[in-house]
Amino acid sequence: MKKYHIGPVPKQVDTALVEGFTKVEVATIGHFRHRGFVHHSIAPVVEPTETIVGTAVTVAIPGTDSTLLHHAIGSLRPGDFLFVDRLGDDRHACIGGGVAFAIKTAGAIGVVIDGPCTDVEEIAELDMPLWSRGVSGITTRLNDLGGAMNLPISCGNVPVMPGDIVIADASGILVIPIDEAAEVLEEATARQARAGRNKGKIAAGEKLGDLSGASRLVNAALEA
């Protein structure tokens, strides 16, 4: 039985989609979409200062082993966004300063680990956005246990397919199937253009509940 299962290298996301989503906040999409948001328990070690957008590349590795992760880094391209499924392990850190440096050098724009990392100070110095489930001083080894690369995984309670588009900022990480991306971008762009439109009115004394319609709903319920 094969230990390693490796899918084809995914096509990278079209540059027009990348450029479009960099102008949109993750929370703007969260106003109308519910699927694809990586659980907030996977928290930033280094968070981006702006919206970053890339192509999902996936790795799944078991407990104590990071053999396939080391191999996969050699296939990363500028613009890739690496997702690491730890298959339930929350004890062993698969990425520290040295591995993060290799990922950064390959051109990846971000990393999400469904498990802990280590060497937080070194990772922060690299200024590469990285999210993990906490920190651990116990690391993985090259135990040659097997794993999967560029195949479907789960990360932060979200299915991730190689080639999905990833949008991330200080508010979180969103994974969108590529065939849904254009429609999401159209709606997000329109909503982003309307963002903050009530600030001037509120500053002038108008009430948020009146502007949003919330007070009308509350008053109607009270009068019923």
C-alpha atoms as a PDB file:
ATOM      1  CA  MET A   1       0.000   0.000   0.000  1.00  0.00           C
ATOM      2  CA  LYS A   2       1.323   3.437  -0.916  1.00  0.00           C
ATOM      3  CA  LYS A   3       2.225   5.728   1.975  1.00  0.00           C
ATOM      4  CA  TYR A   4       2.206   8.931  -0.033  1.00  0.00           C
ATOM      5  CA  HIS A   5      -0.720  10.151  -2.135  1.00  0.00           C
ATOM      6  CA  ILE A   6       0.073  13.127  -4.340  1.00  0.00           C
ATOM      7  CA  GLY A   7      -2.352  14.924  -6.626  1.00  0.00           C
ATOM      8  CA  PRO A   8      -1.529  17.224  -9.533  1.00  0.00           C
ATOM      9  CA  VAL A   9      -0.175  20.696  -8.897  1.00  0.00           C
ATOM     10  CA  PRO A  10      -3.225  23.002  -9.024  1.00  0.00           C
ATOM     11  CA  LYS A  11      -3.643  25.753 -11.557  1.00  0.00           C
ATOM     12  CA  GLN A  12      -2.989  29.112  -9.938  1.00  0.00           C
ATOM     13  CA  VAL A  13      -5.849  31.558  -9.479  1.00  0.00           C
ATOM     14  CA  ASP A  14      -6.353  34.044 -12.305  1.00  0.00           C
ATOM     15  CA  THR A  15      -4.579  37.348 -11.668  1.00  0.00           C
ATOM     16  CA  ALA A  16      -7.773  39.348 -12.243  1.00  0.00           C
ATOM     17  CA  LEU A  17      -9.508  37.489  -9.412  1.00  0.00           C
ATOM     18  CA  VAL A  18      -6.498  37.947  -7.159  1.00  0.00           C
ATOM     19  CA  GLU A  19      -6.404  41.666  -7.838  1.00  0.00           C
ATOM     20  CA  GLY A  20     -10.150  42.026  -7.317  1.00  0.00           C
ATOM     21  CA  PHE A  21     -10.230  40.249  -3.960  1.00  0.00           C
ATOM     22  CA  THR A  22      -7.278  42.236  -2.597  1.00  0.00           C
ATOM     23  CA  LYS A  23      -9.627  45.250  -2.569  1.00  0.00           C
ATOM     24  CA  VAL A  24     -12.203  43.451  -0.406  1.00  0.00           C
ATOM     25  CA  GLU A  25     -12.251  42.762   3.339  1.00  0.00           C
ATOM     26  CA  VAL A  26     -12.990  39.235   4.560  1.00  0.00           C
ATOM     27  CA  ALA A  27     -15.673  40.622   6.890  1.00  0.00           C
ATOM     28  CA  THR A  28     -17.405  42.245   3.920  1.00  0.00           C
ATOM     29  CA  ILE A  29     -17.891  38.780   2.428  1.00  0.00           C
ATOM     30  CA  GLY A  30     -18.990  37.563   5.853  1.00  0.00           C
ATOM     31  CA  HIS A  31     -22.023  39.828   5.576  1.00  0.00           C
ATOM     32  CA  PHE A  32     -23.534  37.594   2.914  1.00  0.00           C
ATOM     33  CA  ARG A  33     -21.643  34.288   2.836  1.00  0.00           C
ATOM     34  CA  HIS A  34     -21.401  31.633   5.556  1.00  0.00           C
ATOM     35  CA  ARG A  35     -19.313  28.826   4.046  1.00  0.00           C
ATOM     36  CA  GLY A  36     -15.546  28.606   3.838  1.00  0.00           C
ATOM     37  CA  PHE A  37     -14.442  30.637   6.872  1.00  0.00           C
ATOM     38  CA  VAL A  38     -11.607  28.922   8.734  1.00  0.00           C
ATOM     39  CA  HIS A  39     -12.526  28.551  12.426  1.00  0.00           C
ATOM     40  CA  HIS A  40     -11.239  31.385  14.604  1.00  0.00           C
ATOM     41  CA  SER A  41      -9.491  28.916  16.930  1.00  0.00           C
ATOM     42  CA  ILE A  42      -6.792  28.877  14.245  1.00  0.00           C
ATOM     43  CA  ALA A  43      -5.296  32.221  15.202  1.00  0.00           C
ATOM     44  CA  PRO A  44      -2.675  34.448  13.593  1.00  0.00           C
ATOM     45  CA  VAL A  45       0.932  34.167  14.676  1.00  0.00           C
ATOM     46  CA  VAL A  46       1.762  36.769  12.053  1.00  0.00           C
ATOM     47  CA  GLU A  47      -1.315  38.488  10.634  1.00  0.00           C
ATOM     48  CA  PRO A  48      -1.346  40.379   7.338  1.00  0.00           C
ATOM     49  CA  THR A  49      -1.555  44.160   7.285  1.00  0.00           C
ATOM     50  CA  GLU A  50      -3.783  44.060   4.198  1.00  0.00           C
ATOM     51  CA  THR A  51      -5.912  41.565   2.294  1.00  0.00           C
ATOM     52  CA  ILE A  52      -3.820  38.810   0.756  1.00  0.00           C
ATOM     53  CA  VAL A  53      -5.114  36.454  -1.911  1.00  0.00           C
ATOM     54  CA  GLY A  54      -3.595  33.232  -3.201  1.00  0.00           C
ATOM     55  CA  THR A  55      -4.011  29.684  -4.464  1.00  0.00           C
ATOM     56  CA  ALA A  56      -4.617  26.861  -1.991  1.00  0.00           C
ATOM     57  CA  VAL A  57      -1.976  24.145  -1.886  1.00  0.00           C
ATOM     58  CA  THR A  58      -2.740  21.294   0.513  1.00  0.00           C
ATOM     59  CA  VAL A  59      -0.750  18.892   2.673  1.00  0.00           C
ATOM     60  CA  ALA A  60      -2.013  16.314   5.199  1.00  0.00           C
ATOM     61  CA  ILE A  61       0.527  14.766   7.567  1.00  0.00           C
ATOM     62  CA  PRO A  62       0.088  12.503  10.603  1.00  0.00           C
ATOM     63  CA  GLY A  63       1.114  13.140  14.225  1.00  0.00           C
ATOM     64  CA  THR A  64       4.867  13.082  14.612  1.00  0.00           C
ATOM     65  CA  ASP A  65       5.832  13.227  10.938  1.00  0.00           C
ATOM     66  CA  SER A  66       6.613  16.099   8.559  1.00  0.00           C
ATOM     67  CA  THR A  67       8.381  14.208   5.774  1.00  0.00           C
ATOM     68  CA  LEU A  68       5.819  15.086   3.112  1.00  0.00           C
ATOM     69  CA  LEU A  69       5.667  18.722   4.227  1.00  0.00           C
ATOM     70  CA  HIS A  70       9.397  19.119   3.617  1.00  0.00           C
ATOM     71  CA  HIS A  71       8.966  17.537   0.190  1.00  0.00           C
ATOM     72  CA  ALA A  72       5.942  19.703  -0.656  1.00  0.00           C
ATOM     73  CA  ILE A  73       7.779  22.966   0.020  1.00  0.00           C
ATOM     74  CA  GLY A  74       9.916  22.217  -3.032  1.00  0.00           C
ATOM     75  CA  SER A  75       6.789  22.517  -5.208  1.00  0.00           C
ATOM     76  CA  LEU A  76       5.506  25.832  -3.812  1.00  0.00           C
ATOM     77  CA  ARG A  77       5.225  28.780  -6.197  1.00  0.00           C
ATOM     78  CA  PRO A  78       4.977  32.531  -5.656  1.00  0.00           C
ATOM     79  CA  GLY A  79       1.343  33.246  -4.800  1.00  0.00           C
ATOM     80  CA  ASP A  80       0.581  29.870  -3.239  1.00  0.00           C
ATOM     81  CA  PHE A  81      -1.178  29.669   0.137  1.00  0.00           C
ATOM     82  CA  LEU A  82      -0.181  26.532   2.066  1.00  0.00           C
ATOM     83  CA  PHE A  83      -2.741  24.630   4.170  1.00  0.00           C
ATOM     84  CA  VAL A  84      -1.513  21.873   6.497  1.00  0.00           C
ATOM     85  CA  ASP A  85      -4.030  19.354   7.827  1.00  0.00           C
ATOM     86  CA  ARG A  86      -2.532  17.716  10.940  1.00  0.00           C
ATOM     87  CA  LEU A  87      -5.140  14.961  10.943  1.00  0.00           C
ATOM     88  CA  GLY A  88      -6.222  15.730  14.492  1.00  0.00           C
ATOM     89  CA  ASP A  89      -2.785  16.124  16.083  1.00  0.00           C
ATOM     90  CA  ASP A  90      -2.482  19.144  18.384  1.00  0.00           C
ATOM     91  CA  ARG A  91       0.779  18.194  20.124  1.00  0.00           C
ATOM     92  CA  HIS A  92       3.545  18.344  17.523  1.00  0.00           C
ATOM     93  CA  ALA A  93       4.632  21.548  15.767  1.00  0.00           C
ATOM     94  CA  CYS A  94       5.314  20.887  12.089  1.00  0.00           C
ATOM     95  CA  ILE A  95       6.543  24.389  11.233  1.00  0.00           C
ATOM     96  CA  GLY A  96       9.193  26.416  13.023  1.00  0.00           C
ATOM     97  CA  GLY A  97      11.668  29.058  11.981  1.00  0.00           C
ATOM     98  CA  GLY A  98      13.686  26.966   9.519  1.00  0.00           C
ATOM     99  CA  VAL A  99      10.701  25.428   7.729  1.00  0.00           C
ATOM    100  CA  ALA A 100       8.922  28.801   7.643  1.00  0.00           C
ATOM    101  CA  PHE A 101      12.014  30.329   6.042  1.00  0.00           C
ATOM    102  CA  ALA A 102      11.948  27.684   3.305  1.00  0.00           C
ATOM    103  CA  ILE A 103       8.235  28.346   2.702  1.00  0.00           C
ATOM    104  CA  LYS A 104       8.790  32.100   2.532  1.00  0.00           C
ATOM    105  CA  THR A 105      11.756  31.674   0.180  1.00  0.00           C
ATOM    106  CA  ALA A 106       9.639  29.537  -2.156  1.00  0.00           C
ATOM    107  CA  GLY A 107       7.250  32.475  -2.526  1.00  0.00           C
ATOM    108  CA  ALA A 108       4.211  31.330  -0.559  1.00  0.00           C
ATOM    109  CA  ILE A 109       2.152  34.273   0.685  1.00  0.00           C
ATOM    110  CA  GLY A 110       0.644  32.569   3.740  1.00  0.00           C
ATOM    111  CA  VAL A 111       0.338  29.379   5.788  1.00  0.00           C
ATOM    112  CA  VAL A 112      -2.524  27.848   7.773  1.00  0.00           C
ATOM    113  CA  ILE A 113      -1.761  24.958  10.151  1.00  0.00           C
ATOM    114  CA  ASP A 114      -4.555  22.972  11.757  1.00  0.00           C
ATOM    115  CA  GLY A 115      -2.200  22.323  14.658  1.00  0.00           C
ATOM    116  CA  PRO A 116       0.576  24.156  16.522  1.00  0.00           C
ATOM    117  CA  CYS A 117       3.733  25.867  15.316  1.00  0.00           C
ATOM    118  CA  THR A 118       6.975  26.680  17.112  1.00  0.00           C
ATOM    119  CA  ASP A 119       9.734  29.344  16.990  1.00  0.00           C
ATOM    120  CA  VAL A 120       7.217  32.171  17.049  1.00  0.00           C
ATOM    121  CA  GLU A 121       9.877  34.887  17.218  1.00  0.00           C
ATOM    122  CA  GLU A 122      11.672  33.560  14.130  1.00  0.00           C
ATOM    123  CA  ILE A 123       8.429  33.262  12.177  1.00  0.00           C
ATOM    124  CA  ALA A 124       7.480  36.818  13.122  1.00  0.00           C
ATOM    125  CA  GLU A 125      10.838  38.086  11.850  1.00  0.00           C
ATOM    126  CA  LEU A 126      10.053  36.578   8.437  1.00  0.00           C
ATOM    127  CA  ASP A 127       6.903  38.733   8.185  1.00  0.00           C
ATOM    128  CA  MET A 128       5.039  35.904   6.483  1.00  0.00           C
ATOM    129  CA  PRO A 129       1.359  35.609   7.493  1.00  0.00           C
ATOM    130  CA  LEU A 130       0.843  32.367   9.407  1.00  0.00           C
ATOM    131  CA  TRP A 131      -2.067  30.973  11.412  1.00  0.00           C
ATOM    132  CA  SER A 132      -1.968  27.992  13.793  1.00  0.00           C
ATOM    133  CA  ARG A 133      -3.719  26.319  16.721  1.00  0.00           C
ATOM    134  CA  GLY A 134      -1.315  27.669  19.315  1.00  0.00           C
ATOM    135  CA  VAL A 135       2.340  26.924  19.947  1.00  0.00           C
ATOM    136  CA  SER A 136       4.249  23.798  20.979  1.00  0.00           C
ATOM    137  CA  GLY A 137       7.864  23.060  21.821  1.00  0.00           C
ATOM    138  CA  ILE A 138       7.457  19.447  20.675  1.00  0.00           C
ATOM    139  CA  THR A 139       8.285  19.119  17.005  1.00  0.00           C
ATOM    140  CA  THR A 140       7.634  16.666  14.213  1.00  0.00           C
ATOM    141  CA  ARG A 141      10.398  14.494  12.740  1.00  0.00           C
ATOM    142  CA  LEU A 142      11.165  12.785   9.455  1.00  0.00           C
ATOM    143  CA  ASN A 143       9.468   9.524  10.396  1.00  0.00           C
ATOM    144  CA  ASP A 144       8.386   8.641   6.848  1.00  0.00           C
ATOM    145  CA  LEU A 145       4.832   7.826   7.920  1.00  0.00           C
ATOM    146  CA  GLY A 146       3.100   8.988   4.756  1.00  0.00           C
ATOM    147  CA  GLY A 147       0.484  11.605   3.961  1.00  0.00           C
ATOM    148  CA  ALA A 148      -1.296  13.424   1.164  1.00  0.00           C
ATOM    149  CA  MET A 149      -0.420  16.429  -0.981  1.00  0.00           C
ATOM    150  CA  ASN A 150      -2.606  18.435  -3.341  1.00  0.00           C
ATOM    151  CA  LEU A 151      -5.670  16.386  -2.455  1.00  0.00           C
ATOM    152  CA  PRO A 152      -8.807  17.493  -0.540  1.00  0.00           C
ATOM    153  CA  ILE A 153      -8.206  18.193   3.166  1.00  0.00           C
ATOM    154  CA  SER A 154      -9.956  19.751   6.145  1.00  0.00           C
ATOM    155  CA  CYS A 155      -8.526  22.773   7.912  1.00  0.00           C
ATOM    156  CA  GLY A 156     -10.289  24.758  10.623  1.00  0.00           C
ATOM    157  CA  ASN A 157     -13.564  22.882   9.978  1.00  0.00           C
ATOM    158  CA  VAL A 158     -13.443  23.914   6.322  1.00  0.00           C
ATOM    159  CA  PRO A 159     -12.913  21.677   3.293  1.00  0.00           C
ATOM    160  CA  VAL A 160      -9.963  22.891   1.230  1.00  0.00           C
ATOM    161  CA  MET A 161      -9.386  21.784  -2.339  1.00  0.00           C
ATOM    162  CA  PRO A 162      -6.116  22.394  -4.153  1.00  0.00           C
ATOM    163  CA  GLY A 163      -6.644  25.385  -6.432  1.00  0.00           C
ATOM    164  CA  ASP A 164      -9.294  27.055  -4.264  1.00  0.00           C
ATOM    165  CA  ILE A 165      -8.937  30.809  -3.895  1.00  0.00           C
ATOM    166  CA  VAL A 166      -7.897  31.984  -0.429  1.00  0.00           C
ATOM    167  CA  ILE A 167      -8.668  35.471   0.918  1.00  0.00           C
ATOM    168  CA  ALA A 168      -7.145  36.447   4.260  1.00  0.00           C
ATOM    169  CA  ASP A 169      -6.772  39.562   6.392  1.00  0.00           C
ATOM    170  CA  ALA A 170      -6.699  40.531  10.066  1.00  0.00           C
ATOM    171  CA  SER A 171     -10.325  39.338  10.429  1.00  0.00           C
ATOM    172  CA  GLY A 172      -9.731  35.780   9.261  1.00  0.00           C
ATOM    173  CA  ILE A 173      -9.275  33.355   6.386  1.00  0.00           C
ATOM    174  CA  LEU A 174     -11.816  32.462   3.717  1.00  0.00           C
ATOM    175  CA  VAL A 175     -11.593  29.596   1.221  1.00  0.00           C
ATOM    176  CA  ILE A 176     -13.797  29.739  -1.888  1.00  0.00           C
ATOM    177  CA  PRO A 177     -14.121  27.103  -4.642  1.00  0.00           C
ATOM    178  CA  ILE A 178     -12.773  28.621  -7.813  1.00  0.00           C
ATOM    179  CA  ASP A 179     -16.043  28.147  -9.724  1.00  0.00           C
ATOM    180  CA  GLU A 180     -17.858  30.339  -7.171  1.00  0.00           C
ATOM    181  CA  ALA A 181     -15.219  33.064  -6.959  1.00  0.00           C
ATOM    182  CA  ALA A 182     -16.404  35.431  -9.688  1.00  0.00           C
ATOM    183  CA  GLU A 183     -19.943  35.641  -8.299  1.00  0.00           C
ATOM    184  CA  VAL A 184     -18.657  36.216  -4.759  1.00  0.00           C
ATOM    185  CA  LEU A 185     -16.271  38.916  -5.963  1.00  0.00           C
ATOM    186  CA  GLU A 186     -19.041  40.778  -7.788  1.00  0.00           C
ATOM    187  CA  GLU A 187     -21.214  40.936  -4.675  1.00  0.00           C
ATOM    188  CA  ALA A 188     -18.273  41.701  -2.372  1.00  0.00           C
ATOM    189  CA  THR A 189     -17.044  44.542  -4.552  1.00  0.00           C
ATOM    190  CA  ALA A 190     -20.483  46.169  -4.552  1.00  0.00           C
ATOM    191  CA  ARG A 191     -20.780  45.852  -0.771  1.00  0.00           C
ATOM    192  CA  GLN A 192     -17.251  47.108  -0.178  1.00  0.00           C
ATOM    193  CA  ALA A 193     -18.082  50.236  -2.182  1.00  0.00           C
ATOM    194  CA  ARG A 194     -20.983  50.906   0.195  1.00  0.00           C
ATOM    195  CA  ALA A 195     -18.974  50.278   3.358  1.00  0.00           C
ATOM    196  CA  GLY A 196     -18.880  53.169   5.798  1.00  0.00           C
ATOM    197  CA  ARG A 197     -21.533  55.138   3.978  1.00  0.00           C
ATOM    198  CA  ASN A 198     -23.405  55.884   7.219  1.00  0.00           C
ATOM    199  CA  LYS A 199     -20.485  57.266   9.213  1.00  0.00           C
ATOM    200  CA  GLY A 200     -21.105  60.864   8.178  1.00  0.00           C
ATOM    201  CA  LYS A 201     -24.802  60.608   8.992  1.00  0.00           C
ATOM    202  CA  ILE A 202     -24.123  59.096  12.422  1.00  0.00           C
ATOM    203  CA  ALA A 203     -21.526  61.778  13.122  1.00  0.00           C
ATOM    204  CA  ALA A 204     -24.200  64.343  12.241  1.00  0.00           C
ATOM    205  CA  GLY A 205     -26.558  62.899  14.846  1.00  0.00           C
ATOM    206  CA  GLU A 206     -28.627  60.281  13.058  1.00  0.00           C
ATOM    207  CA  LYS A 207     -29.185  56.973  14.864  1.00  0.00           C
ATOM    208  CA  LEU A 208     -27.790  53.670  13.598  1.00  0.00           C
ATOM    209  CA  GLY A 209     -31.090  51.900  14.299  1.00  0.00           C
ATOM    210  CA  ASP A 210     -32.945  54.364  12.100  1.00  0.00           C
ATOM    211  CA  LEU A 211     -30.455  54.086   9.274  1.00  0.00           C
ATOM    212  CA  SER A 212     -30.294  50.282   9.313  1.00  0.00           C
ATOM    213  CA  GLY A 213     -34.013  49.755   9.842  1.00  0.00           C
ATOM    214  CA  ALA A 214     -33.468  47.921  13.131  1.00  0.00           C
ATOM    215  CA  SER A 215     -35.456  50.446  15.174  1.00  0.00           C
ATOM    216  CA  ARG A 216     -38.414  50.108  12.807  1.00  0.00           C
ATOM    217  CA  LEU A 217     -38.438  46.355  13.370  1.00  0.00           C
ATOM    218  CA  VAL A 218     -38.183  46.706  17.158  1.00  0.00           C
ATOM    219  CA  ASN A 219     -40.935  49.338  17.308  1.00  0.00           C
ATOM    220  CA  ALA A 220     -43.227  47.282  15.104  1.00  0.00           C
ATOM    221  CA  ALA A 221     -42.761  44.277  17.394  1.00  0.00           C
ATOM    222  CA  LEU A 222     -43.486  46.376  20.493  1.00  0.00           C
ATOM    223  CA  GLU A 223     -46.654  47.760  18.949  1.00  0.00           C
ATOM    224  CA  ALA A 224     -47.988  44.387  17.824  1.00  0.00           C
END
